[in-house]
C-alpha atoms as a PDB file:
ATOM      1  CA  UNK A   1      43.587  49.477 183.452  1.00  0.00           C
ATOM      2  CA  UNK A   2      43.560  51.664 181.348  1.00  0.00           C
ATOM      3  CA  UNK A   3      68.952  58.462 179.236  1.00  0.00           C
ATOM      4  CA  UNK A   4      71.391  56.551 178.138  1.00  0.00           C
ATOM      5  CA  UNK A   5      74.124  56.058 180.698  1.00  0.00           C
ATOM      6  CA  UNK A   6      76.216  53.475 178.905  1.00  0.00           C
ATOM      7  CA  UNK A   7      76.301  51.065 181.851  1.00  0.00           C
ATOM      8  CA  UNK A   8      75.107  47.680 180.645  1.00  0.00           C
ATOM      9  CA  UNK A   9      77.467  45.172 182.244  1.00  0.00           C
ATOM     10  CA  UNK A  10      74.832  42.462 182.819  1.00  0.00           C
ATOM     11  CA  UNK A  11      73.135  43.194 179.505  1.00  0.00           C
ATOM     12  CA  UNK A  12      76.376  43.048 177.524  1.00  0.00           C
ATOM     13  CA  UNK A  13      77.154  39.642 178.984  1.00  0.00           C
ATOM     14  CA  UNK A  14      73.703  38.337 178.156  1.00  0.00           C
ATOM     15  CA  UNK A  15      73.840  39.721 174.613  1.00  0.00           C
ATOM     16  CA  UNK A  16      77.015  37.768 173.856  1.00  0.00           C
ATOM     17  CA  UNK A  17      75.559  34.630 175.435  1.00  0.00           C
ATOM     18  CA  UNK A  18      72.185  34.740 173.673  1.00  0.00           C
ATOM     19  CA  UNK A  19      72.984  35.969 170.187  1.00  0.00           C
ATOM     20  CA  UNK A  20      74.165  32.974 167.986  1.00  0.00           C
ATOM     21  CA  UNK A  21      41.704  44.721 160.876  1.00  0.00           C
ATOM     22  CA  UNK A  22      40.895  45.157 157.513  1.00  0.00           C
ATOM     23  CA  UNK A  23      39.925  48.630 156.133  1.00  0.00           C
ATOM     24  CA  UNK A  24      36.366  49.931 156.594  1.00  0.00           C
ATOM     25  CA  UNK A  25      34.494  49.743 153.287  1.00  0.00           C
ATOM     26  CA  UNK A  26      34.060  53.508 153.205  1.00  0.00           C
ATOM     27  CA  UNK A  27      37.787  54.166 153.412  1.00  0.00           C
ATOM     28  CA  UNK A  28      40.561  53.359 151.014  1.00  0.00           C
ATOM     29  CA  UNK A  29      44.272  53.597 151.741  1.00  0.00           C
ATOM     30  CA  UNK A  30      44.463  57.352 151.077  1.00  0.00           C
ATOM     31  CA  UNK A  31      41.655  58.140 153.524  1.00  0.00           C
ATOM     32  CA  UNK A  32      43.274  55.997 156.202  1.00  0.00           C
ATOM     33  CA  UNK A  33      46.578  57.792 155.680  1.00  0.00           C
ATOM     34  CA  UNK A  34      44.907  61.187 156.050  1.00  0.00           C
ATOM     35  CA  UNK A  35      43.120  60.080 159.230  1.00  0.00           C
ATOM     36  CA  UNK A  36      46.258  58.677 160.799  1.00  0.00           C
ATOM     37  CA  UNK A  37      48.419  61.683 159.974  1.00  0.00           C
ATOM     38  CA  UNK A  38      45.718  63.984 161.320  1.00  0.00           C
ATOM     39  CA  UNK A  39      45.388  62.265 164.690  1.00  0.00           C
ATOM     40  CA  UNK A  40      48.985  61.203 165.367  1.00  0.00           C
ATOM     41  CA  UNK A  41      51.258  63.888 163.857  1.00  0.00           C
ATOM     42  CA  UNK A  42      53.766  63.596 166.701  1.00  0.00           C
ATOM     43  CA  UNK A  43      54.361  59.874 166.147  1.00  0.00           C
ATOM     44  CA  UNK A  44      57.997  59.109 165.457  1.00  0.00           C
ATOM     45  CA  UNK A  45      58.747  56.840 162.512  1.00  0.00           C
ATOM     46  CA  UNK A  46      62.246  55.732 163.493  1.00  0.00           C
ATOM     47  CA  UNK A  47      61.509  53.534 166.524  1.00  0.00           C
ATOM     48  CA  UNK A  48      59.678  50.228 166.292  1.00  0.00           C
ATOM     49  CA  UNK A  49      58.726  50.290 170.003  1.00  0.00           C
ATOM     50  CA  UNK A  50      56.295  53.008 171.071  1.00  0.00           C
ATOM     51  CA  UNK A  51      57.097  53.971 174.668  1.00  0.00           C
ATOM     52  CA  UNK A  52      55.615  57.471 174.667  1.00  0.00           C
ATOM     53  CA  UNK A  53      53.403  56.617 177.650  1.00  0.00           C
ATOM     54  CA  UNK A  54      55.812  54.200 179.357  1.00  0.00           C
ATOM     55  CA  UNK A  55      53.650  51.151 178.640  1.00  0.00           C
ATOM     56  CA  UNK A  56      56.042  49.137 176.495  1.00  0.00           C
ATOM     57  CA  UNK A  57      55.793  45.401 177.293  1.00  0.00           C
ATOM     58  CA  UNK A  58      52.622  46.022 179.336  1.00  0.00           C
ATOM     59  CA  UNK A  59      50.008  46.351 176.595  1.00  0.00           C
ATOM     60  CA  UNK A  60      48.996  43.970 173.817  1.00  0.00           C
ATOM     61  CA  UNK A  61      50.116  46.517 171.236  1.00  0.00           C
ATOM     62  CA  UNK A  62      53.248  48.540 171.937  1.00  0.00           C
ATOM     63  CA  UNK A  63      54.710  48.709 168.449  1.00  0.00           C
ATOM     64  CA  UNK A  64      54.938  52.022 166.618  1.00  0.00           C
ATOM     65  CA  UNK A  65      52.053  52.059 164.139  1.00  0.00           C
ATOM     66  CA  UNK A  66      53.741  54.509 161.777  1.00  0.00           C
ATOM     67  CA  UNK A  67      56.971  52.477 161.716  1.00  0.00           C
ATOM     68  CA  UNK A  68      54.987  49.356 160.807  1.00  0.00           C
ATOM     69  CA  UNK A  69      53.039  51.216 158.127  1.00  0.00           C
ATOM     70  CA  UNK A  70      56.047  52.877 156.487  1.00  0.00           C
ATOM     71  CA  UNK A  71      58.045  49.639 156.480  1.00  0.00           C
ATOM     72  CA  UNK A  72      55.073  47.550 155.282  1.00  0.00           C
ATOM     73  CA  UNK A  73      55.325  45.055 158.125  1.00  0.00           C
ATOM     74  CA  UNK A  74      52.514  42.510 157.886  1.00  0.00           C
ATOM     75  CA  UNK A  75      53.312  40.313 160.884  1.00  0.00           C
ATOM     76  CA  UNK A  76      55.833  39.876 163.683  1.00  0.00           C
ATOM     77  CA  UNK A  77      56.385  36.388 165.083  1.00  0.00           C
ATOM     78  CA  UNK A  78      58.055  35.812 168.430  1.00  0.00           C
ATOM     79  CA  UNK A  79      59.405  32.370 169.376  1.00  0.00           C
ATOM     80  CA  UNK A  80      60.218  31.787 173.040  1.00  0.00           C
ATOM     81  CA  UNK A  81      62.999  29.850 174.736  1.00  0.00           C
ATOM     82  CA  UNK A  82      64.369  29.956 178.276  1.00  0.00           C
ATOM     83  CA  UNK A  83      67.834  30.063 179.853  1.00  0.00           C
ATOM     84  CA  UNK A  84      67.931  28.806 183.432  1.00  0.00           C
ATOM     85  CA  UNK A  85      71.009  29.049 185.662  1.00  0.00           C
ATOM     86  CA  UNK A  86      73.603  26.352 184.903  1.00  0.00           C
ATOM     87  CA  UNK A  87      71.449  24.834 182.175  1.00  0.00           C
ATOM     88  CA  UNK A  88      71.505  25.120 178.375  1.00  0.00           C
ATOM     89  CA  UNK A  89      68.901  27.159 176.519  1.00  0.00           C
ATOM     90  CA  UNK A  90      65.629  25.221 176.242  1.00  0.00           C
ATOM     91  CA  UNK A  91      63.016  25.681 173.529  1.00  0.00           C
ATOM     92  CA  UNK A  92      59.433  26.263 174.648  1.00  0.00           C
ATOM     93  CA  UNK A  93      56.139  25.866 172.786  1.00  0.00           C
ATOM     94  CA  UNK A  94      55.301  29.509 173.561  1.00  0.00           C
ATOM     95  CA  UNK A  95      54.657  31.612 170.489  1.00  0.00           C
ATOM     96  CA  UNK A  96      53.165  35.007 169.708  1.00  0.00           C
ATOM     97  CA  UNK A  97      52.200  36.399 166.297  1.00  0.00           C
ATOM     98  CA  UNK A  98      51.117  40.017 165.744  1.00  0.00           C
ATOM     99  CA  UNK A  99      49.153  40.598 162.517  1.00  0.00           C
ATOM    100  CA  UNK A 100      48.875  44.162 161.151  1.00  0.00           C
ATOM    101  CA  UNK A 101      46.828  45.727 158.391  1.00  0.00           C
ATOM    102  CA  UNK A 102      48.285  47.867 155.600  1.00  0.00           C
ATOM    103  CA  UNK A 103      48.557  50.982 157.783  1.00  0.00           C
ATOM    104  CA  UNK A 104      50.186  49.271 160.753  1.00  0.00           C
ATOM    105  CA  UNK A 105      47.148  48.766 162.981  1.00  0.00           C
ATOM    106  CA  UNK A 106      46.946  45.521 164.957  1.00  0.00           C
ATOM    107  CA  UNK A 107      44.152  43.339 163.580  1.00  0.00           C
ATOM    108  CA  UNK A 108      44.870  39.956 165.190  1.00  0.00           C
ATOM    109  CA  UNK A 109      47.049  38.422 167.872  1.00  0.00           C
ATOM    110  CA  UNK A 110      47.774  34.679 168.006  1.00  0.00           C
ATOM    111  CA  UNK A 111      49.358  33.359 171.164  1.00  0.00           C
ATOM    112  CA  UNK A 112      50.468  29.985 172.522  1.00  0.00           C
ATOM    113  CA  UNK A 113      51.427  29.812 176.205  1.00  0.00           C
ATOM    114  CA  UNK A 114      52.612  26.966 178.395  1.00  0.00           C
ATOM    115  CA  UNK A 115      52.605  26.290 182.128  1.00  0.00           C
ATOM    116  CA  UNK A 116      54.449  23.093 183.056  1.00  0.00           C
ATOM    117  CA  UNK A 117      52.995  20.510 180.647  1.00  0.00           C
ATOM    118  CA  UNK A 118      49.823  22.476 179.877  1.00  0.00           C
ATOM    119  CA  UNK A 119      49.676  24.341 176.567  1.00  0.00           C
ATOM    120  CA  UNK A 120      46.926  26.823 175.708  1.00  0.00           C
ATOM    121  CA  UNK A 121      46.250  28.742 172.511  1.00  0.00           C
ATOM    122  CA  UNK A 122      44.548  32.095 172.182  1.00  0.00           C
ATOM    123  CA  UNK A 123      43.428  34.273 169.281  1.00  0.00           C
ATOM    124  CA  UNK A 124      42.411  37.906 169.744  1.00  0.00           C
ATOM    125  CA  UNK A 125      40.758  39.828 166.910  1.00  0.00           C
ATOM    126  CA  UNK A 126      40.390  43.598 166.859  1.00  0.00           C
ATOM    127  CA  UNK A 127      37.552  45.342 165.044  1.00  0.00           C
ATOM    128  CA  UNK A 128      37.855  49.094 164.506  1.00  0.00           C
ATOM    129  CA  UNK A 129      35.655  52.086 163.871  1.00  0.00           C
ATOM    130  CA  UNK A 130      36.147  54.553 161.015  1.00  0.00           C
ATOM    131  CA  UNK A 131      38.863  56.393 162.945  1.00  0.00           C
ATOM    132  CA  UNK A 132      40.902  53.257 163.572  1.00  0.00           C
ATOM    133  CA  UNK A 133      39.976  52.991 167.272  1.00  0.00           C
ATOM    134  CA  UNK A 134      39.370  49.464 168.562  1.00  0.00           C
ATOM    135  CA  UNK A 135      35.654  49.131 169.239  1.00  0.00           C
ATOM    136  CA  UNK A 136      35.473  45.340 169.586  1.00  0.00           C
ATOM    137  CA  UNK A 137      38.018  42.908 170.990  1.00  0.00           C
ATOM    138  CA  UNK A 138      37.191  39.208 170.550  1.00  0.00           C
ATOM    139  CA  UNK A 139      39.215  36.661 172.517  1.00  0.00           C
ATOM    140  CA  UNK A 140      38.865  33.039 171.432  1.00  0.00           C
ATOM    141  CA  UNK A 141      40.380  30.181 173.426  1.00  0.00           C
ATOM    142  CA  UNK A 142      39.409  26.723 174.638  1.00  0.00           C
ATOM    143  CA  UNK A 143      37.089  28.257 177.244  1.00  0.00           C
ATOM    144  CA  UNK A 144      34.971  30.040 174.656  1.00  0.00           C
ATOM    145  CA  UNK A 145      34.713  33.450 173.026  1.00  0.00           C
ATOM    146  CA  UNK A 146      34.981  36.548 175.198  1.00  0.00           C
ATOM    147  CA  UNK A 147      34.206  40.002 173.839  1.00  0.00           C
ATOM    148  CA  UNK A 148      34.948  43.534 174.957  1.00  0.00           C
ATOM    149  CA  UNK A 149      32.972  46.339 173.335  1.00  0.00           C
ATOM    150  CA  UNK A 150      34.512  49.824 173.584  1.00  0.00           C
ATOM    151  CA  UNK A 151      32.607  53.087 173.266  1.00  0.00           C
ATOM    152  CA  UNK A 152      34.216  56.520 172.936  1.00  0.00           C
ATOM    153  CA  UNK A 153      33.135  60.127 173.241  1.00  0.00           C
ATOM    154  CA  UNK A 154      33.631  62.770 170.538  1.00  0.00           C
ATOM    155  CA  UNK A 155      37.177  63.403 171.804  1.00  0.00           C
ATOM    156  CA  UNK A 156      38.175  59.754 171.493  1.00  0.00           C
ATOM    157  CA  UNK A 157      38.075  59.061 175.249  1.00  0.00           C
ATOM    158  CA  UNK A 158      36.832  55.700 176.461  1.00  0.00           C
ATOM    159  CA  UNK A 159      33.422  56.054 178.130  1.00  0.00           C
ATOM    160  CA  UNK A 160      32.101  52.490 178.353  1.00  0.00           C
ATOM    161  CA  UNK A 161      33.261  48.858 178.318  1.00  0.00           C
ATOM    162  CA  UNK A 162      30.836  45.977 177.816  1.00  0.00           C
ATOM    163  CA  UNK A 163      32.173  42.492 178.520  1.00  0.00           C
ATOM    164  CA  UNK A 164      30.406  39.559 176.875  1.00  0.00           C
ATOM    165  CA  UNK A 165      30.624  35.846 176.230  1.00  0.00           C
ATOM    166  CA  UNK A 166      29.567  33.930 173.136  1.00  0.00           C
ATOM    167  CA  UNK A 167      29.180  30.206 172.462  1.00  0.00           C
ATOM    168  CA  UNK A 168      30.036  28.032 169.510  1.00  0.00           C
ATOM    169  CA  UNK A 169      26.649  27.042 168.069  1.00  0.00           C
ATOM    170  CA  UNK A 170      28.014  25.064 165.132  1.00  0.00           C
ATOM    171  CA  UNK A 171      26.925  21.447 164.870  1.00  0.00           C
ATOM    172  CA  UNK A 172      29.911  20.606 162.666  1.00  0.00           C
ATOM    173  CA  UNK A 173      33.057  19.322 164.330  1.00  0.00           C
ATOM    174  CA  UNK A 174      35.973  21.718 164.021  1.00  0.00           C
ATOM    175  CA  UNK A 175      33.833  24.610 162.758  1.00  0.00           C
ATOM    176  CA  UNK A 176      33.211  27.706 164.854  1.00  0.00           C
ATOM    177  CA  UNK A 177      29.980  29.681 164.561  1.00  0.00           C
ATOM    178  CA  UNK A 178      29.608  32.262 167.290  1.00  0.00           C
ATOM    179  CA  UNK A 179      26.279  33.029 168.899  1.00  0.00           C
ATOM    180  CA  UNK A 180      25.404  36.630 169.661  1.00  0.00           C
ATOM    181  CA  UNK A 181      27.470  37.631 172.722  1.00  0.00           C
ATOM    182  CA  UNK A 182      25.664  37.896 176.057  1.00  0.00           C
ATOM    183  CA  UNK A 183      26.738  40.945 178.086  1.00  0.00           C
ATOM    184  CA  UNK A 184      27.970  39.691 181.460  1.00  0.00           C
ATOM    185  CA  UNK A 185      29.518  42.858 182.914  1.00  0.00           C
ATOM    186  CA  UNK A 186      30.146  46.496 182.104  1.00  0.00           C
ATOM    187  CA  UNK A 187      32.012  49.561 183.273  1.00  0.00           C
ATOM    188  CA  UNK A 188      31.523  53.207 182.403  1.00  0.00           C
ATOM    189  CA  UNK A 189      33.681  56.308 182.668  1.00  0.00           C
ATOM    190  CA  UNK A 190      32.801  59.973 183.051  1.00  0.00           C
ATOM    191  CA  UNK A 191      35.355  62.616 182.078  1.00  0.00           C
ATOM    192  CA  UNK A 192      35.683  66.190 183.290  1.00  0.00           C
ATOM    193  CA  UNK A 193      38.304  68.901 183.001  1.00  0.00           C
ATOM    194  CA  UNK A 194      39.731  70.874 185.893  1.00  0.00           C
ATOM    195  CA  UNK A 195      42.576  73.332 185.805  1.00  0.00           C
ATOM    196  CA  UNK A 196      44.643  73.635 182.666  1.00  0.00           C
ATOM    197  CA  UNK A 197      46.347  70.321 181.961  1.00  0.00           C
ATOM    198  CA  UNK A 198      44.231  68.383 184.474  1.00  0.00           C
ATOM    199  CA  UNK A 199      41.609  65.789 183.496  1.00  0.00           C
ATOM    200  CA  UNK A 200      39.504  63.688 185.832  1.00  0.00           C
ATOM    201  CA  UNK A 201      37.955  60.305 185.093  1.00  0.00           C
ATOM    202  CA  UNK A 202      35.350  58.753 187.379  1.00  0.00           C
ATOM    203  CA  UNK A 203      35.006  54.975 187.048  1.00  0.00           C
ATOM    204  CA  UNK A 204      31.637  53.233 187.587  1.00  0.00           C
ATOM    205  CA  UNK A 205      30.862  49.541 187.996  1.00  0.00           C
ATOM    206  CA  UNK A 206      28.022  47.601 186.368  1.00  0.00           C
ATOM    207  CA  UNK A 207      25.557  48.935 188.995  1.00  0.00           C
ATOM    208  CA  UNK A 208      26.488  52.515 188.135  1.00  0.00           C
ATOM    209  CA  UNK A 209      28.368  52.989 191.413  1.00  0.00           C
ATOM    210  CA  UNK A 210      31.487  55.132 191.458  1.00  0.00           C
ATOM    211  CA  UNK A 211      34.352  52.909 192.646  1.00  0.00           C
ATOM    212  CA  UNK A 212      37.392  55.067 191.820  1.00  0.00           C
ATOM    213  CA  UNK A 213      38.501  58.450 190.515  1.00  0.00           C
ATOM    214  CA  UNK A 214      41.565  59.105 188.406  1.00  0.00           C
ATOM    215  CA  UNK A 215      43.267  62.480 188.051  1.00  0.00           C
ATOM    216  CA  UNK A 216      45.576  62.884 185.055  1.00  0.00           C
ATOM    217  CA  UNK A 217      47.951  65.848 184.983  1.00  0.00           C
ATOM    218  CA  UNK A 218      49.961  67.122 182.016  1.00  0.00           C
ATOM    219  CA  UNK A 219      52.329  70.077 181.896  1.00  0.00           C
ATOM    220  CA  UNK A 220      52.197  73.054 179.538  1.00  0.00           C
ATOM    221  CA  UNK A 221      54.017  70.991 176.878  1.00  0.00           C
ATOM    222  CA  UNK A 222      51.282  68.317 177.113  1.00  0.00           C
ATOM    223  CA  UNK A 223      53.648  65.775 178.662  1.00  0.00           C
ATOM    224  CA  UNK A 224      52.119  63.365 181.126  1.00  0.00           C
ATOM    225  CA  UNK A 225      53.280  64.309 184.637  1.00  0.00           C
ATOM    226  CA  UNK A 226      51.193  62.173 186.990  1.00  0.00           C
ATOM    227  CA  UNK A 227      48.242  59.822 187.321  1.00  0.00           C
ATOM    228  CA  UNK A 228      46.509  59.497 190.683  1.00  0.00           C
ATOM    229  CA  UNK A 229      43.796  56.903 191.322  1.00  0.00           C
ATOM    230  CA  UNK A 230      41.745  56.981 194.513  1.00  0.00           C
ATOM    231  CA  UNK A 231      39.552  54.025 195.483  1.00  0.00           C
ATOM    232  CA  UNK A 232      36.301  55.344 196.920  1.00  0.00           C
ATOM    233  CA  UNK A 233      35.629  52.655 199.548  1.00  0.00           C
ATOM    234  CA  UNK A 234      39.105  52.207 201.044  1.00  0.00           C
ATOM    235  CA  UNK A 235      40.537  55.655 200.375  1.00  0.00           C
ATOM    236  CA  UNK A 236      43.633  53.967 198.971  1.00  0.00           C
ATOM    237  CA  UNK A 237      45.469  56.281 196.576  1.00  0.00           C
ATOM    238  CA  UNK A 238      47.961  55.091 193.981  1.00  0.00           C
ATOM    239  CA  UNK A 239      50.207  57.693 192.352  1.00  0.00           C
ATOM    240  CA  UNK A 240      52.320  57.408 189.209  1.00  0.00           C
ATOM    241  CA  UNK A 241      54.888  60.143 188.585  1.00  0.00           C
ATOM    242  CA  UNK A 242      56.614  60.497 185.226  1.00  0.00           C
ATOM    243  CA  UNK A 243      60.039  62.040 184.590  1.00  0.00           C
ATOM    244  CA  UNK A 244      61.726  62.644 181.241  1.00  0.00           C
ATOM    245  CA  UNK A 245      65.282  62.834 179.972  1.00  0.00           C
ATOM    246  CA  UNK A 246      66.714  65.699 177.924  1.00  0.00           C
ATOM    247  CA  UNK A 247      65.332  64.201 174.696  1.00  0.00           C
ATOM    248  CA  UNK A 248      61.838  64.145 176.275  1.00  0.00           C
ATOM    249  CA  UNK A 249      61.679  60.356 176.297  1.00  0.00           C
ATOM    250  CA  UNK A 250      60.171  58.847 179.436  1.00  0.00           C
ATOM    251  CA  UNK A 251      63.052  58.188 181.794  1.00  0.00           C
ATOM    252  CA  UNK A 252      61.336  56.866 184.909  1.00  0.00           C
ATOM    253  CA  UNK A 253      57.925  56.078 186.376  1.00  0.00           C
ATOM    254  CA  UNK A 254      57.596  56.008 190.159  1.00  0.00           C
ATOM    255  CA  UNK A 255      54.577  54.314 191.735  1.00  0.00           C
ATOM    256  CA  UNK A 256      53.517  54.567 195.359  1.00  0.00           C
ATOM    257  CA  UNK A 257      50.381  54.526 197.511  1.00  0.00           C
ATOM    258  CA  UNK A 258      49.212  56.165 200.733  1.00  0.00           C
ATOM    259  CA  UNK A 259      48.738  52.959 202.731  1.00  0.00           C
ATOM    260  CA  UNK A 260      52.340  51.865 203.035  1.00  0.00           C
ATOM    261  CA  UNK A 261      52.587  49.549 200.045  1.00  0.00           C
ATOM    262  CA  UNK A 262      56.076  49.035 198.582  1.00  0.00           C
ATOM    263  CA  UNK A 263      57.259  51.764 196.243  1.00  0.00           C
ATOM    264  CA  UNK A 264      57.739  50.613 192.673  1.00  0.00           C
ATOM    265  CA  UNK A 265      59.682  52.135 189.802  1.00  0.00           C
ATOM    266  CA  UNK A 266      60.224  51.594 186.098  1.00  0.00           C
ATOM    267  CA  UNK A 267      63.417  52.897 184.495  1.00  0.00           C
ATOM    268  CA  UNK A 268      63.973  53.143 180.728  1.00  0.00           C
ATOM    269  CA  UNK A 269      67.151  53.352 178.652  1.00  0.00           C
ATOM    270  CA  UNK A 270      67.462  54.393 175.010  1.00  0.00           C
ATOM    271  CA  UNK A 271      70.078  54.566 172.295  1.00  0.00           C
ATOM    272  CA  UNK A 272      70.940  57.822 170.529  1.00  0.00           C
ATOM    273  CA  UNK A 273      68.052  57.407 168.076  1.00  0.00           C
ATOM    274  CA  UNK A 274      65.480  56.888 170.802  1.00  0.00           C
ATOM    275  CA  UNK A 275      65.162  53.123 170.442  1.00  0.00           C
ATOM    276  CA  UNK A 276      64.268  51.537 173.757  1.00  0.00           C
ATOM    277  CA  UNK A 277      67.134  49.223 174.720  1.00  0.00           C
ATOM    278  CA  UNK A 278      66.329  48.286 178.308  1.00  0.00           C
ATOM    279  CA  UNK A 279      63.635  48.545 180.958  1.00  0.00           C
ATOM    280  CA  UNK A 280      64.248  47.956 184.664  1.00  0.00           C
ATOM    281  CA  UNK A 281      61.520  47.205 187.228  1.00  0.00           C
ATOM    282  CA  UNK A 282      62.160  47.674 190.952  1.00  0.00           C
ATOM    283  CA  UNK A 283      60.119  47.028 194.101  1.00  0.00           C
ATOM    284  CA  UNK A 284      61.089  48.699 197.403  1.00  0.00           C
ATOM    285  CA  UNK A 285      64.352  49.805 195.835  1.00  0.00           C
ATOM    286  CA  UNK A 286      65.304  46.285 194.724  1.00  0.00           C
ATOM    287  CA  UNK A 287      65.659  45.434 191.043  1.00  0.00           C
ATOM    288  CA  UNK A 288      63.380  42.460 190.331  1.00  0.00           C
ATOM    289  CA  UNK A 289      63.135  42.362 186.539  1.00  0.00           C
ATOM    290  CA  UNK A 290      64.849  43.769 183.495  1.00  0.00           C
ATOM    291  CA  UNK A 291      64.059  43.484 179.821  1.00  0.00           C
ATOM    292  CA  UNK A 292      66.773  44.072 177.260  1.00  0.00           C
ATOM    293  CA  UNK A 293      65.936  44.727 173.603  1.00  0.00           C
ATOM    294  CA  UNK A 294      68.375  43.575 170.932  1.00  0.00           C
ATOM    295  CA  UNK A 295      68.167  45.105 167.447  1.00  0.00           C
ATOM    296  CA  UNK A 296      69.222  44.095 163.970  1.00  0.00           C
ATOM    297  CA  UNK A 297      71.399  46.372 161.849  1.00  0.00           C
ATOM    298  CA  UNK A 298      68.216  47.788 160.283  1.00  0.00           C
ATOM    299  CA  UNK A 299      66.739  48.528 163.749  1.00  0.00           C
ATOM    300  CA  UNK A 300      64.146  45.795 163.729  1.00  0.00           C
ATOM    301  CA  UNK A 301      63.798  43.965 167.034  1.00  0.00           C
ATOM    302  CA  UNK A 302      65.940  40.847 167.018  1.00  0.00           C
ATOM    303  CA  UNK A 303      65.096  39.593 170.500  1.00  0.00           C
ATOM    304  CA  UNK A 304      63.801  40.383 173.974  1.00  0.00           C
ATOM    305  CA  UNK A 305      65.774  39.131 176.963  1.00  0.00           C
ATOM    306  CA  UNK A 306      63.395  39.118 179.933  1.00  0.00           C
ATOM    307  CA  UNK A 307      65.424  38.514 183.094  1.00  0.00           C
ATOM    308  CA  UNK A 308      63.707  37.530 186.358  1.00  0.00           C
ATOM    309  CA  UNK A 309      66.303  38.541 188.939  1.00  0.00           C
ATOM    310  CA  UNK A 310      64.703  36.437 191.670  1.00  0.00           C
ATOM    311  CA  UNK A 311      64.870  33.105 189.830  1.00  0.00           C
ATOM    312  CA  UNK A 312      67.621  34.252 187.416  1.00  0.00           C
ATOM    313  CA  UNK A 313      65.643  32.716 184.546  1.00  0.00           C
ATOM    314  CA  UNK A 314      65.877  34.562 181.238  1.00  0.00           C
ATOM    315  CA  UNK A 315      63.003  34.322 178.766  1.00  0.00           C
ATOM    316  CA  UNK A 316      64.317  34.817 175.231  1.00  0.00           C
ATOM    317  CA  UNK A 317      61.898  35.886 172.510  1.00  0.00           C
ATOM    318  CA  UNK A 318      63.390  35.955 169.010  1.00  0.00           C
ATOM    319  CA  UNK A 319      61.474  37.710 166.247  1.00  0.00           C
ATOM    320  CA  UNK A 320      60.851  37.171 162.550  1.00  0.00           C
ATOM    321  CA  UNK A 321      59.005  39.451 160.111  1.00  0.00           C
ATOM    322  CA  UNK A 322      56.619  39.148 157.188  1.00  0.00           C
ATOM    323  CA  UNK A 323      55.895  42.066 154.853  1.00  0.00           C
ATOM    324  CA  UNK A 324      53.039  43.363 152.764  1.00  0.00           C
ATOM    325  CA  UNK A 325      53.843  43.458 149.050  1.00  0.00           C
ATOM    326  CA  UNK A 326      56.351  46.252 148.507  1.00  0.00           C
END
């Protein structure tokens, strides 16, 4: 839930082919800056993609907040097309727009997705507490409004999720007035500390029953080393192991379980400045997907090339930027 090697033969070919939440009332800009610098002093400001935990492309927000803030980026718009084998590039209706506030925090996400001839739109809004943590996620699409309420402990760790659904109670056509959300499910999390560098999280369902336990291990430098999740009923254990290159950027994540499931791995490549340039995903030793990142001369993302190696389709997402007043 919750290493550059210089060998880019396929990527080089594709590159040539493709290229042609508002502030809380109590806090002003200065207070937000102090808060952010206090809680994220290790954040790099030179890379637009934040891959410190190896979750680039897997989370709704994987852009570097400090990069966005310092460069006054207001929104990033991605327009999608597709290149199929032996066919020209085709435009798609798919679209994604990330909206950021003045300090680079994601406040809204607009998304249009298509499957065959069906097109669906989605808007996600993020409400934050005084420390900038998301405490309410509202997802609005043609099926209604779905909410996720987050609660944290004094150390900023997630301790409860409440999932709700609201209805449009407006009597005016085209106008949306949300009812109070009805809680339809919840999960809670209990944290404990073991040996130095080891934290344990017990996950509980809406009946308060413990369904899994997660052990998170960091080394003496506070680098994430492993995450192990054990499902209580089946005894199935999933393990993620993290390795780093000489620059201490995540080099590889290896995923396996104790019941004979296929081993998976995620391999990351960077340029000399630490910008993520490619991610490779393998199952049972076979490469199944790779994502290449193309940059502009000013190190903004120009495009993602998402290559499905089973179908050989390449999803191309080209980006444009809007800025806060400089």
